[in-house]
Protein backbone atom coordinates (compact mmCIF):
# COMPACT_ATOMS: atom_id res chain seq x y z
CA MET A 1 47.87 -35.64 106.27
CA GLN A 2 44.14 -35.49 106.83
CA ILE A 3 41.46 -37.87 105.59
CA LYS A 4 38.51 -35.88 104.22
CA VAL A 5 35.37 -36.29 102.18
CA ILE A 6 35.76 -34.07 99.12
CA ALA A 7 32.81 -32.74 97.12
CA LEU A 8 33.93 -31.62 93.67
CA THR A 9 32.64 -28.54 91.85
CA THR A 10 32.78 -30.19 88.42
CA THR A 11 30.61 -33.23 89.17
CA GLN A 12 28.09 -34.33 91.74
CA GLN A 13 30.50 -37.03 92.82
CA VAL A 14 32.28 -37.28 96.16
CA LEU A 15 35.75 -38.55 97.00
CA ILE A 16 37.37 -39.71 100.22
CA SER A 17 41.11 -39.20 100.33
CA GLN A 18 44.13 -38.25 102.30
CA ILE A 19 44.66 -34.59 101.35
CA ASP A 20 47.49 -32.12 101.80
CA GLU A 21 47.75 -28.53 100.68
CA VAL A 22 50.97 -27.90 98.77
CA PRO A 23 52.23 -24.58 97.47
CA ALA A 24 51.72 -24.04 93.75
CA ALA A 25 54.86 -22.97 91.91
CA VAL A 26 52.74 -20.86 89.58
CA PRO A 27 49.32 -19.41 90.45
CA GLY A 28 46.59 -21.60 88.98
CA GLU A 29 48.60 -24.83 89.14
CA PRO A 30 47.26 -27.69 91.28
CA ASP A 31 47.75 -26.99 94.99
CA CYS A 32 46.18 -30.03 96.68
CA GLN A 33 47.74 -33.47 96.80
CA LEU A 34 45.30 -36.36 97.03
CA THR A 35 46.74 -39.68 98.20
CA ASN A 36 44.70 -42.88 97.82
CA PRO A 37 41.52 -41.15 96.61
CA PHE A 38 38.37 -43.24 96.21
CA TRP A 39 34.98 -42.38 94.73
CA VAL A 40 32.21 -42.76 97.29
CA ASN A 41 29.25 -44.53 95.68
CA PRO A 42 26.02 -44.68 97.70
CA LEU A 43 24.12 -47.73 96.45
CA GLU A 44 20.73 -48.40 98.06
CA GLY A 45 21.85 -47.47 101.55
CA THR A 46 25.31 -49.05 101.25
CA LEU A 47 28.47 -47.08 100.57
CA THR A 48 30.98 -48.60 98.19
CA LEU A 49 34.42 -47.22 97.41
CA GLU A 50 36.00 -47.33 93.98
CA PRO A 51 39.59 -46.23 93.27
CA PHE A 52 39.84 -42.83 91.57
CA LEU A 53 40.58 -43.25 87.83
CA ASN A 54 40.25 -47.01 88.22
CA GLY A 55 41.28 -48.83 85.04
CA ILE A 56 43.00 -45.73 83.68
CA THR A 57 46.08 -45.51 85.91
CA LYS A 58 47.74 -47.39 88.75
CA GLU A 59 48.94 -44.17 90.40
CA ASP A 60 47.67 -43.44 93.89
CA THR A 61 48.76 -39.80 94.25
CA PHE A 62 47.11 -36.99 92.28
CA MET A 63 47.31 -33.22 92.17
CA MET A 64 44.12 -31.16 92.08
CA SER A 65 43.47 -27.43 92.07
CA SER A 66 41.62 -26.24 95.17
CA ASP A 67 39.17 -24.36 92.95
CA LYS A 68 37.81 -27.78 91.84
CA ILE A 69 36.84 -28.57 95.45
CA LEU A 70 33.42 -27.38 96.57
CA THR A 71 33.90 -28.39 100.20
CA LEU A 72 35.82 -30.66 102.57
CA ALA A 73 34.14 -32.57 105.40
CA GLU A 74 34.92 -35.16 108.04
CA PRO A 75 33.89 -38.68 107.01
CA THR A 76 31.44 -40.64 109.13
CA PRO A 77 33.07 -43.23 111.41
CA THR A 78 31.71 -46.05 109.22
CA LEU A 79 33.07 -44.52 106.00
CA LEU A 80 36.42 -43.74 107.63
CA GLU A 81 36.77 -47.32 108.86
CA LYS A 82 35.89 -48.75 105.43
CA TYR A 83 38.44 -46.43 103.77
CA GLN A 84 41.20 -47.23 106.27
CA ASP A 85 40.58 -50.97 105.84
CA ILE A 86 41.13 -50.57 102.09
CA ILE A 87 44.29 -48.44 102.22
CA SER A 88 45.99 -50.16 105.16
CA PRO A 89 48.41 -52.91 104.24
CA PRO A 90 47.47 -56.35 105.52
CA PRO A 91 49.32 -57.45 108.65
CA ILE A 92 52.41 -59.56 108.13
CA VAL A 93 51.90 -63.02 109.58
CA THR A 94 54.99 -64.97 110.54
CA PRO A 95 54.90 -68.64 111.51
CA ASP A 96 55.64 -69.41 115.14
CA GLU A 97 58.93 -71.13 115.69
């Protein structure tokens, strides 16, 4: 699974997500699986991340047709770190005995 920046053809918005290509059972069906996608929002020099379809669903895996993707790119180290901090589970802390 690769983490990529995804520019969409249908909007001027950009996602960051884990992405896998999956075979479509029927031509034209979605063939890309996005896991933990987030909108990338550049606000006055600061990047913020907002969950994809936030407030609409609690799902974290989505299917998308590759023809909706304009391009894929590697995220900057700063963006990648911010994304990984969000999707990584917090460490489990156990009390010392």
